[in-house]
PDB file of N, CA and C in Angstrom:
ATOM      1  N   MET A   1       8.939   2.407 -13.780  1.00  0.00           N
ATOM      2  CA  MET A   1       7.617   2.350 -14.202  1.00  0.00           C
ATOM      3  C   MET A   1       6.462   0.813 -14.178  1.00  0.00           C
ATOM      4  N   SER A   2       8.374  -0.316 -14.850  1.00  0.00           N
ATOM      5  CA  SER A   2       8.407  -1.744 -15.553  1.00  0.00           C
ATOM      6  C   SER A   2       8.679  -2.294 -13.888  1.00  0.00           C
ATOM      7  N   LYS A   3       9.884  -1.708 -13.282  1.00  0.00           N
ATOM      8  CA  LYS A   3       9.823  -2.647 -11.513  1.00  0.00           C
ATOM      9  C   LYS A   3       8.448  -2.433 -10.759  1.00  0.00           C
ATOM     10  N   PHE A   4       7.319  -1.450 -10.756  1.00  0.00           N
ATOM     11  CA  PHE A   4       6.501  -1.341 -10.160  1.00  0.00           C
ATOM     12  C   PHE A   4       5.924  -2.502 -10.664  1.00  0.00           C
ATOM     13  N   GLY A   5       5.629  -2.765 -12.094  1.00  0.00           N
ATOM     14  CA  GLY A   5       4.631  -3.526 -12.504  1.00  0.00           C
ATOM     15  C   GLY A   5       4.926  -5.432 -12.119  1.00  0.00           C
ATOM     16  N   GLU A   6       6.746  -5.904 -11.510  1.00  0.00           N
ATOM     17  CA  GLU A   6       6.924  -6.492 -11.004  1.00  0.00           C
ATOM     18  C   GLU A   6       6.483  -6.805  -9.626  1.00  0.00           C
ATOM     19  N   LEU A   7       5.857  -5.543  -9.099  1.00  0.00           N
ATOM     20  CA  LEU A   7       5.828  -5.752  -7.768  1.00  0.00           C
ATOM     21  C   LEU A   7       4.242  -5.944  -6.867  1.00  0.00           C
ATOM     22  N   ILE A   8       3.972  -5.854  -8.547  1.00  0.00           N
ATOM     23  CA  ILE A   8       2.508  -6.002  -8.376  1.00  0.00           C
ATOM     24  C   ILE A   8       1.878  -7.407  -9.041  1.00  0.00           C
ATOM     25  N   ASN A   9       2.380  -7.562  -9.079  1.00  0.00           N
ATOM     26  CA  ASN A   9       2.357  -9.005 -10.599  1.00  0.00           C
ATOM     27  C   ASN A   9       3.104 -10.073  -9.832  1.00  0.00           C
ATOM     28  N   ALA A  10       2.842  -9.768  -8.025  1.00  0.00           N
ATOM     29  CA  ALA A  10       2.684 -11.261  -7.525  1.00  0.00           C
ATOM     30  C   ALA A  10       1.502 -12.339  -6.925  1.00  0.00           C
ATOM     31  N   GLN A  11       1.942 -13.278  -6.855  1.00  0.00           N
ATOM     32  CA  GLN A  11       1.021 -14.271  -6.766  1.00  0.00           C
ATOM     33  C   GLN A  11       0.040 -14.315  -4.810  1.00  0.00           C
ATOM     34  N   VAL A  12       0.672 -13.548  -4.282  1.00  0.00           N
ATOM     35  CA  VAL A  12      -0.164 -12.450  -3.375  1.00  0.00           C
ATOM     36  C   VAL A  12      -0.128 -12.032  -3.835  1.00  0.00           C
ATOM     37  N   PRO A  13      -1.436 -11.546  -2.438  1.00  0.00           N
ATOM     38  CA  PRO A  13      -2.061  -9.221  -2.317  1.00  0.00           C
ATOM     39  C   PRO A  13      -0.691  -8.646  -2.120  1.00  0.00           C
ATOM     40  N   VAL A  14      -0.836  -7.620  -2.930  1.00  0.00           N
ATOM     41  CA  VAL A  14       0.147  -6.648  -2.860  1.00  0.00           C
ATOM     42  C   VAL A  14      -0.534  -5.542  -1.693  1.00  0.00           C
ATOM     43  N   LEU A  15       0.165  -4.805  -0.316  1.00  0.00           N
ATOM     44  CA  LEU A  15      -0.958  -3.594  -0.288  1.00  0.00           C
ATOM     45  C   LEU A  15       0.459  -2.565  -0.100  1.00  0.00           C
ATOM     46  N   ILE A  16       0.152  -1.716  -0.880  1.00  0.00           N
ATOM     47  CA  ILE A  16       1.144  -0.409  -0.837  1.00  0.00           C
ATOM     48  C   ILE A  16       0.925  -0.100  -0.641  1.00  0.00           C
ATOM     49  N   ASP A  17       1.232   1.159   0.921  1.00  0.00           N
ATOM     50  CA  ASP A  17       1.485   3.219   1.456  1.00  0.00           C
ATOM     51  C   ASP A  17       2.129   3.726   0.686  1.00  0.00           C
ATOM     52  N   PHE A  18       1.207   4.768  -0.105  1.00  0.00           N
ATOM     53  CA  PHE A  18       1.825   5.715  -0.713  1.00  0.00           C
ATOM     54  C   PHE A  18       2.229   7.093   0.642  1.00  0.00           C
ATOM     55  N   PHE A  19       3.387   7.091   0.925  1.00  0.00           N
ATOM     56  CA  PHE A  19       3.465   8.405   1.740  1.00  0.00           C
ATOM     57  C   PHE A  19       4.770   8.947   1.222  1.00  0.00           C
ATOM     58  N   THR A  20       4.692  10.778   2.557  1.00  0.00           N
ATOM     59  CA  THR A  20       5.646  11.000   2.514  1.00  0.00           C
ATOM     60  C   THR A  20       6.106  11.330   4.469  1.00  0.00           C
ATOM     61  N   GLU A  21       7.767  11.223   4.458  1.00  0.00           N
ATOM     62  CA  GLU A  21       7.925  11.974   5.376  1.00  0.00           C
ATOM     63  C   GLU A  21       7.408  13.029   6.600  1.00  0.00           C
ATOM     64  N   TRP A  22       6.915  13.861   5.910  1.00  0.00           N
ATOM     65  CA  TRP A  22       6.507  14.876   6.557  1.00  0.00           C
ATOM     66  C   TRP A  22       4.748  14.609   6.183  1.00  0.00           C
ATOM     67  N   ASP A  23       3.852  13.978   5.954  1.00  0.00           N
ATOM     68  CA  ASP A  23       2.560  14.219   6.470  1.00  0.00           C
ATOM     69  C   ASP A  23       2.403  13.429   7.505  1.00  0.00           C
ATOM     70  N   SER A  24       1.874  14.304   8.556  1.00  0.00           N
ATOM     71  CA  SER A  24       1.851  13.737  10.057  1.00  0.00           C
ATOM     72  C   SER A  24       0.308  12.218   9.498  1.00  0.00           C
ATOM     73  N   PRO A  25      -0.151  12.222   8.617  1.00  0.00           N
ATOM     74  CA  PRO A  25      -1.130  11.251   8.790  1.00  0.00           C
ATOM     75  C   PRO A  25      -0.328   9.386   8.689  1.00  0.00           C
ATOM     76  N   SER A  26       0.535  10.212   7.539  1.00  0.00           N
ATOM     77  CA  SER A  26       1.705   8.738   7.290  1.00  0.00           C
ATOM     78  C   SER A  26       1.935   8.643   7.668  1.00  0.00           C
ATOM     79  N   VAL A  27       2.994   9.890   8.982  1.00  0.00           N
ATOM     80  CA  VAL A  27       3.595   8.908   9.898  1.00  0.00           C
ATOM     81  C   VAL A  27       2.774   7.541  10.438  1.00  0.00           C
ATOM     82  N   SER A  28       1.704   8.905  11.172  1.00  0.00           N
ATOM     83  CA  SER A  28       1.370   8.030  12.368  1.00  0.00           C
ATOM     84  C   SER A  28       1.000   6.369  11.345  1.00  0.00           C
ATOM     85  N   MET A  29       0.632   6.366  10.112  1.00  0.00           N
ATOM     86  CA  MET A  29       0.111   4.734   9.421  1.00  0.00           C
ATOM     87  C   MET A  29       1.147   4.224   9.184  1.00  0.00           C
ATOM     88  N   ASN A  30       2.677   4.905  10.061  1.00  0.00           N
ATOM     89  CA  ASN A  30       4.391   3.978   9.564  1.00  0.00           C
ATOM     90  C   ASN A  30       3.088   2.366  10.664  1.00  0.00           C
ATOM     91  N   GLU A  31       2.887   2.753  12.758  1.00  0.00           N
ATOM     92  CA  GLU A  31       3.548   1.513  12.989  1.00  0.00           C
ATOM     93  C   GLU A  31       1.731   0.574  12.629  1.00  0.00           C
ATOM     94  N   VAL A  32       0.862   1.310  12.252  1.00  0.00           N
ATOM     95  CA  VAL A  32       0.133  -0.026  11.296  1.00  0.00           C
ATOM     96  C   VAL A  32       0.059  -0.089  10.247  1.00  0.00           C
ATOM     97  N   ILE A  33       1.459   0.274   9.302  1.00  0.00           N
ATOM     98  CA  ILE A  33       1.383  -0.781   7.748  1.00  0.00           C
ATOM     99  C   ILE A  33       2.587  -1.935   8.578  1.00  0.00           C
ATOM    100  N   ARG A  34       4.006  -1.543  10.055  1.00  0.00           N
ATOM    101  CA  ARG A  34       4.183  -2.140  10.440  1.00  0.00           C
ATOM    102  C   ARG A  34       3.007  -4.075  10.681  1.00  0.00           C
ATOM    103  N   ASP A  35       2.425  -3.553  11.252  1.00  0.00           N
ATOM    104  CA  ASP A  35       1.434  -4.358  12.722  1.00  0.00           C
ATOM    105  C   ASP A  35       0.580  -5.314  11.567  1.00  0.00           C
ATOM    106  N   VAL A  36       0.186  -4.555   9.597  1.00  0.00           N
ATOM    107  CA  VAL A  36      -0.586  -5.291   9.659  1.00  0.00           C
ATOM    108  C   VAL A  36       0.881  -6.812   8.351  1.00  0.00           C
ATOM    109  N   ALA A  37       2.130  -5.775   8.274  1.00  0.00           N
ATOM    110  CA  ALA A  37       3.042  -6.305   7.906  1.00  0.00           C
ATOM    111  C   ALA A  37       3.261  -7.622   8.706  1.00  0.00           C
ATOM    112  N   SER A  38       2.806  -7.948  10.068  1.00  0.00           N
ATOM    113  CA  SER A  38       3.610  -8.740  10.905  1.00  0.00           C
ATOM    114  C   SER A  38       2.639  -9.508  10.766  1.00  0.00           C
ATOM    115  N   GLN A  39       1.153  -9.252  10.829  1.00  0.00           N
ATOM    116  CA  GLN A  39       0.665  -9.945  11.211  1.00  0.00           C
ATOM    117  C   GLN A  39      -0.300 -10.463   9.726  1.00  0.00           C
ATOM    118  N   LEU A  40       0.305 -10.480   9.397  1.00  0.00           N
ATOM    119  CA  LEU A  40       0.010 -11.293   7.489  1.00  0.00           C
ATOM    120  C   LEU A  40       1.236 -11.804   7.239  1.00  0.00           C
ATOM    121  N   GLY A  41       2.795 -11.644   7.598  1.00  0.00           N
ATOM    122  CA  GLY A  41       2.735 -12.403   7.008  1.00  0.00           C
ATOM    123  C   GLY A  41       3.288 -12.875   6.266  1.00  0.00           C
ATOM    124  N   ASP A  42       3.984 -14.179   5.193  1.00  0.00           N
ATOM    125  CA  ASP A  42       3.931 -14.067   3.669  1.00  0.00           C
ATOM    126  C   ASP A  42       3.107 -14.249   3.554  1.00  0.00           C
ATOM    127  N   LYS A  43       1.464 -14.266   3.748  1.00  0.00           N
ATOM    128  CA  LYS A  43      -0.132 -14.182   2.636  1.00  0.00           C
ATOM    129  C   LYS A  43       0.399 -13.523   2.398  1.00  0.00           C
ATOM    130  N   ALA A  44       1.070 -12.079   2.482  1.00  0.00           N
ATOM    131  CA  ALA A  44       0.365 -11.246   1.852  1.00  0.00           C
ATOM    132  C   ALA A  44       1.650  -9.754   1.143  1.00  0.00           C
ATOM    133  N   ARG A  45       2.726  -8.993   0.003  1.00  0.00           N
ATOM    134  CA  ARG A  45       3.383  -8.026   0.170  1.00  0.00           C
ATOM    135  C   ARG A  45       3.122  -7.105   0.780  1.00  0.00           C
ATOM    136  N   VAL A  46       3.674  -5.868   1.594  1.00  0.00           N
ATOM    137  CA  VAL A  46       3.370  -5.015   2.440  1.00  0.00           C
ATOM    138  C   VAL A  46       4.452  -4.325   1.601  1.00  0.00           C
ATOM    139  N   ILE A  47       4.613  -2.496   1.234  1.00  0.00           N
ATOM    140  CA  ILE A  47       4.989  -2.086   0.420  1.00  0.00           C
ATOM    141  C   ILE A  47       4.878  -0.661   0.984  1.00  0.00           C
ATOM    142  N   LYS A  48       6.265   0.274   1.065  1.00  0.00           N
ATOM    143  CA  LYS A  48       5.935   1.755   1.287  1.00  0.00           C
ATOM    144  C   LYS A  48       6.990   2.546  -0.018  1.00  0.00           C
ATOM    145  N   ILE A  49       5.788   3.585  -0.065  1.00  0.00           N
ATOM    146  CA  ILE A  49       5.892   4.462  -1.880  1.00  0.00           C
ATOM    147  C   ILE A  49       5.922   5.840  -1.319  1.00  0.00           C
ATOM    148  N   ASP A  50       7.962   6.468  -1.148  1.00  0.00           N
ATOM    149  CA  ASP A  50       7.543   7.207  -0.552  1.00  0.00           C
ATOM    150  C   ASP A  50       8.019   8.342  -2.124  1.00  0.00           C
ATOM    151  N   VAL A  51       6.313   9.865  -1.954  1.00  0.00           N
ATOM    152  CA  VAL A  51       6.156   9.537  -2.758  1.00  0.00           C
ATOM    153  C   VAL A  51       6.972  11.079  -3.734  1.00  0.00           C
ATOM    154  N   ASP A  52       7.640  11.544  -2.484  1.00  0.00           N
ATOM    155  CA  ASP A  52       9.053  12.168  -2.945  1.00  0.00           C
ATOM    156  C   ASP A  52       9.704  11.828  -3.440  1.00  0.00           C
ATOM    157  N   LYS A  53       9.949  10.488  -3.168  1.00  0.00           N
ATOM    158  CA  LYS A  53      11.051   9.316  -3.793  1.00  0.00           C
ATOM    159  C   LYS A  53      10.851   9.286  -4.958  1.00  0.00           C
ATOM    160  N   ASN A  54       9.470   9.051  -5.538  1.00  0.00           N
ATOM    161  CA  ASN A  54       8.481   8.395  -6.595  1.00  0.00           C
ATOM    162  C   ASN A  54       7.657   9.287  -7.535  1.00  0.00           C
ATOM    163  N   LYS A  55       8.097  10.922  -7.593  1.00  0.00           N
ATOM    164  CA  LYS A  55       7.094  11.780  -8.185  1.00  0.00           C
ATOM    165  C   LYS A  55       5.708  10.805  -9.018  1.00  0.00           C
ATOM    166  N   GLU A  56       6.892  10.594 -10.552  1.00  0.00           N
ATOM    167  CA  GLU A  56       6.584   9.833 -11.413  1.00  0.00           C
ATOM    168  C   GLU A  56       5.355   8.906 -11.183  1.00  0.00           C
ATOM    169  N   LEU A  57       5.775   7.979  -9.858  1.00  0.00           N
ATOM    170  CA  LEU A  57       4.295   7.043 -10.161  1.00  0.00           C
ATOM    171  C   LEU A  57       3.655   7.420  -9.969  1.00  0.00           C
ATOM    172  N   ALA A  58       3.989   8.514  -7.973  1.00  0.00           N
ATOM    173  CA  ALA A  58       3.007   9.050  -8.296  1.00  0.00           C
ATOM    174  C   ALA A  58       1.272   9.880  -8.871  1.00  0.00           C
ATOM    175  N   GLU A  59       1.890   9.843  -9.499  1.00  0.00           N
ATOM    176  CA  GLU A  59       1.785  10.787 -10.237  1.00  0.00           C
ATOM    177  C   GLU A  59       0.543  10.464 -11.592  1.00  0.00           C
ATOM    178  N   ALA A  60       1.313   9.146 -11.784  1.00  0.00           N
ATOM    179  CA  ALA A  60       1.270   7.718 -12.828  1.00  0.00           C
ATOM    180  C   ALA A  60      -0.710   6.918 -12.658  1.00  0.00           C
ATOM    181  N   LEU A  61      -0.398   6.778 -11.284  1.00  0.00           N
ATOM    182  CA  LEU A  61      -1.361   6.200 -10.531  1.00  0.00           C
ATOM    183  C   LEU A  61      -2.891   7.889  -9.169  1.00  0.00           C
ATOM    184  N   ARG A  62      -2.028   8.367  -9.987  1.00  0.00           N
ATOM    185  CA  ARG A  62      -2.858   9.416  -9.285  1.00  0.00           C
ATOM    186  C   ARG A  62      -3.549   9.902  -7.821  1.00  0.00           C
ATOM    187  N   VAL A  63      -2.084   9.893  -6.621  1.00  0.00           N
ATOM    188  CA  VAL A  63      -1.493   9.719  -6.068  1.00  0.00           C
ATOM    189  C   VAL A  63      -1.888  11.384  -5.320  1.00  0.00           C
ATOM    190  N   LYS A  64      -2.994  11.338  -4.681  1.00  0.00           N
ATOM    191  CA  LYS A  64      -3.910  12.992  -3.693  1.00  0.00           C
ATOM    192  C   LYS A  64      -3.351  13.337  -3.044  1.00  0.00           C
ATOM    193  N   GLY A  65      -4.191  12.700  -2.343  1.00  0.00           N
ATOM    194  CA  GLY A  65      -4.133  12.299  -0.595  1.00  0.00           C
ATOM    195  C   GLY A  65      -3.188  11.489  -0.432  1.00  0.00           C
ATOM    196  N   LEU A  66      -2.231  12.196   0.925  1.00  0.00           N
ATOM    197  CA  LEU A  66      -2.177  11.189   1.662  1.00  0.00           C
ATOM    198  C   LEU A  66      -2.181  11.045   4.059  1.00  0.00           C
ATOM    199  N   PRO A  67      -1.775   9.539   3.201  1.00  0.00           N
ATOM    200  CA  PRO A  67      -2.421   8.245   2.590  1.00  0.00           C
ATOM    201  C   PRO A  67      -2.003   8.330   1.686  1.00  0.00           C
ATOM    202  N   THR A  68      -1.734   7.238   0.463  1.00  0.00           N
ATOM    203  CA  THR A  68      -3.334   6.517  -0.387  1.00  0.00           C
ATOM    204  C   THR A  68      -2.707   4.555  -0.132  1.00  0.00           C
ATOM    205  N   ILE A  69      -3.701   4.476  -0.049  1.00  0.00           N
ATOM    206  CA  ILE A  69      -2.505   3.105   0.324  1.00  0.00           C
ATOM    207  C   ILE A  69      -4.293   2.117  -0.924  1.00  0.00           C
ATOM    208  N   MET A  70      -2.964   1.145  -1.494  1.00  0.00           N
ATOM    209  CA  MET A  70      -3.730   0.284  -2.297  1.00  0.00           C
ATOM    210  C   MET A  70      -3.565  -1.573  -1.921  1.00  0.00           C
ATOM    211  N   ILE A  71      -3.955  -1.562  -2.412  1.00  0.00           N
ATOM    212  CA  ILE A  71      -4.243  -3.987  -3.032  1.00  0.00           C
ATOM    213  C   ILE A  71      -3.933  -3.882  -4.117  1.00  0.00           C
ATOM    214  N   TYR A  72      -3.051  -4.496  -4.776  1.00  0.00           N
ATOM    215  CA  TYR A  72      -3.485  -6.172  -6.268  1.00  0.00           C
ATOM    216  C   TYR A  72      -2.888  -6.796  -6.190  1.00  0.00           C
ATOM    217  N   LYS A  73      -4.085  -7.625  -6.973  1.00  0.00           N
ATOM    218  CA  LYS A  73      -4.122  -9.054  -6.777  1.00  0.00           C
ATOM    219  C   LYS A  73      -3.585  -9.156  -8.713  1.00  0.00           C
ATOM    220  N   GLU A  74      -2.551  -9.943  -8.569  1.00  0.00           N
ATOM    221  CA  GLU A  74      -2.375 -10.305 -10.167  1.00  0.00           C
ATOM    222  C   GLU A  74      -2.055  -8.515 -10.955  1.00  0.00           C
ATOM    223  N   GLY A  75      -1.640  -8.260 -10.016  1.00  0.00           N
ATOM    224  CA  GLY A  75      -1.316  -7.272 -11.344  1.00  0.00           C
ATOM    225  C   GLY A  75      -2.184  -6.303 -11.527  1.00  0.00           C
ATOM    226  N   GLN A  76      -3.432  -6.160 -10.498  1.00  0.00           N
ATOM    227  CA  GLN A  76      -4.827  -5.789 -11.062  1.00  0.00           C
ATOM    228  C   GLN A  76      -5.382  -4.938  -9.231  1.00  0.00           C
ATOM    229  N   MET A  77      -5.352  -3.453  -9.280  1.00  0.00           N
ATOM    230  CA  MET A  77      -6.043  -3.228  -8.399  1.00  0.00           C
ATOM    231  C   MET A  77      -6.713  -3.458  -8.023  1.00  0.00           C
ATOM    232  N   VAL A  78      -7.795  -3.311  -6.572  1.00  0.00           N
ATOM    233  CA  VAL A  78      -8.878  -4.192  -6.161  1.00  0.00           C
ATOM    234  C   VAL A  78      -8.882  -3.350  -4.788  1.00  0.00           C
ATOM    235  N   TRP A  79      -8.881  -3.136  -4.950  1.00  0.00           N
ATOM    236  CA  TRP A  79      -8.870  -2.042  -3.492  1.00  0.00           C
ATOM    237  C   TRP A  79      -7.918  -0.385  -3.360  1.00  0.00           C
ATOM    238  N   ARG A  80      -8.490   0.646  -3.311  1.00  0.00           N
ATOM    239  CA  ARG A  80      -7.508   1.618  -3.131  1.00  0.00           C
ATOM    240  C   ARG A  80      -8.747   3.211  -2.139  1.00  0.00           C
ATOM    241  N   GLN A  81      -8.243   3.727  -1.263  1.00  0.00           N
ATOM    242  CA  GLN A  81      -8.086   4.924   0.032  1.00  0.00           C
ATOM    243  C   GLN A  81      -7.085   5.721  -0.266  1.00  0.00           C
ATOM    244  N   SER A  82      -8.057   6.431  -0.259  1.00  0.00           N
ATOM    245  CA  SER A  82      -6.610   7.194   1.024  1.00  0.00           C
ATOM    246  C   SER A  82      -7.335   8.382   2.722  1.00  0.00           C
ATOM    247  N   GLY A  83      -6.200   8.102   3.073  1.00  0.00           N
ATOM    248  CA  GLY A  83      -6.701   8.848   4.580  1.00  0.00           C
ATOM    249  C   GLY A  83      -5.627   7.729   5.502  1.00  0.00           C
ATOM    250  N   GLU A  84      -5.975   7.428   6.799  1.00  0.00           N
ATOM    251  CA  GLU A  84      -5.915   6.605   7.326  1.00  0.00           C
ATOM    252  C   GLU A  84      -7.173   5.434   7.738  1.00  0.00           C
ATOM    253  N   VAL A  85      -6.212   4.754   7.384  1.00  0.00           N
ATOM    254  CA  VAL A  85      -7.336   3.204   7.668  1.00  0.00           C
ATOM    255  C   VAL A  85      -6.764   2.476   9.452  1.00  0.00           C
ATOM    256  N   ASP A  86      -7.430   2.231   9.969  1.00  0.00           N
ATOM    257  CA  ASP A  86      -6.749   0.768  10.821  1.00  0.00           C
ATOM    258  C   ASP A  86      -6.385  -0.216  10.286  1.00  0.00           C
ATOM    259  N   ALA A  87      -6.273  -1.167  10.986  1.00  0.00           N
ATOM    260  CA  ALA A  87      -4.921  -2.550  11.604  1.00  0.00           C
ATOM    261  C   ALA A  87      -6.140  -3.227  10.634  1.00  0.00           C
ATOM    262  N   ASN A  88      -7.184  -3.533  10.964  1.00  0.00           N
ATOM    263  CA  ASN A  88      -8.091  -4.936  11.419  1.00  0.00           C
ATOM    264  C   ASN A  88      -8.912  -4.664   9.500  1.00  0.00           C
ATOM    265  N   THR A  89      -9.243  -3.783   9.203  1.00  0.00           N
ATOM    266  CA  THR A  89      -9.687  -3.116   8.009  1.00  0.00           C
ATOM    267  C   THR A  89      -8.865  -3.775   7.232  1.00  0.00           C
ATOM    268  N   LEU A  90      -7.205  -3.359   7.080  1.00  0.00           N
ATOM    269  CA  LEU A  90      -5.948  -3.950   6.817  1.00  0.00           C
ATOM    270  C   LEU A  90      -6.041  -5.706   6.335  1.00  0.00           C
ATOM    271  N   ILE A  91      -6.354  -5.635   7.292  1.00  0.00           N
ATOM    272  CA  ILE A  91      -6.035  -7.026   7.700  1.00  0.00           C
ATOM    273  C   ILE A  91      -6.962  -7.613   6.732  1.00  0.00           C
ATOM    274  N   THR A  92      -8.337  -7.610   7.238  1.00  0.00           N
ATOM    275  CA  THR A  92      -9.346  -7.706   6.748  1.00  0.00           C
ATOM    276  C   THR A  92      -9.517  -8.421   4.938  1.00  0.00           C
ATOM    277  N   LEU A  93      -8.967  -6.960   4.543  1.00  0.00           N
ATOM    278  CA  LEU A  93      -9.992  -6.801   2.898  1.00  0.00           C
ATOM    279  C   LEU A  93      -8.056  -7.075   2.254  1.00  0.00           C
ATOM    280  N   VAL A  94      -7.908  -7.343   3.023  1.00  0.00           N
ATOM    281  CA  VAL A  94      -6.037  -7.330   2.269  1.00  0.00           C
ATOM    282  C   VAL A  94      -6.333  -9.644   2.509  1.00  0.00           C
ATOM    283  N   GLU A  95      -6.498 -10.558   3.356  1.00  0.00           N
ATOM    284  CA  GLU A  95      -7.118 -11.863   3.533  1.00  0.00           C
ATOM    285  C   GLU A  95      -8.624 -11.919   2.318  1.00  0.00           C
ATOM    286  N   SER A  96      -9.964 -10.862   2.838  1.00  0.00           N
ATOM    287  CA  SER A  96     -10.197 -11.725   1.193  1.00  0.00           C
ATOM    288  C   SER A  96      -9.746 -11.240   0.277  1.00  0.00           C
ATOM    289  N   GLN A  97      -8.206 -11.431  -0.251  1.00  0.00           N
ATOM    290  CA  GLN A  97      -7.459 -11.548  -1.992  1.00  0.00           C
ATOM    291  C   GLN A  97      -6.811 -11.974  -1.605  1.00  0.00           C
ATOM    292  N   SER A  98      -6.468 -13.463  -0.856  1.00  0.00           N
ATOM    293  CA  SER A  98      -6.106 -13.968  -0.881  1.00  0.00           C
ATOM    294  C   SER A  98      -6.928 -14.977  -1.957  1.00  0.00           C
TER     295      SER A  98
END
């Protein structure tokens, strides 16, 4: 959990995708997240977290639906949504935090 605190305490916005390998909406978001990461470059940090491998963190953050996407700015959650989101929406949301 302390490592998570380090991840979200960045100077740039942090986009986190909570997913699993077996959940089809999570899998379909893979390409979207890749596109977002490549378009944002160093303007943001994009992280994928497998909830099956990080159950304690997922429970602490009350991740229920998959995928769950969160945006953190300087350690504070500023946006959260469960379900699929298109790349343009995510990019706009992250850039509005810059």
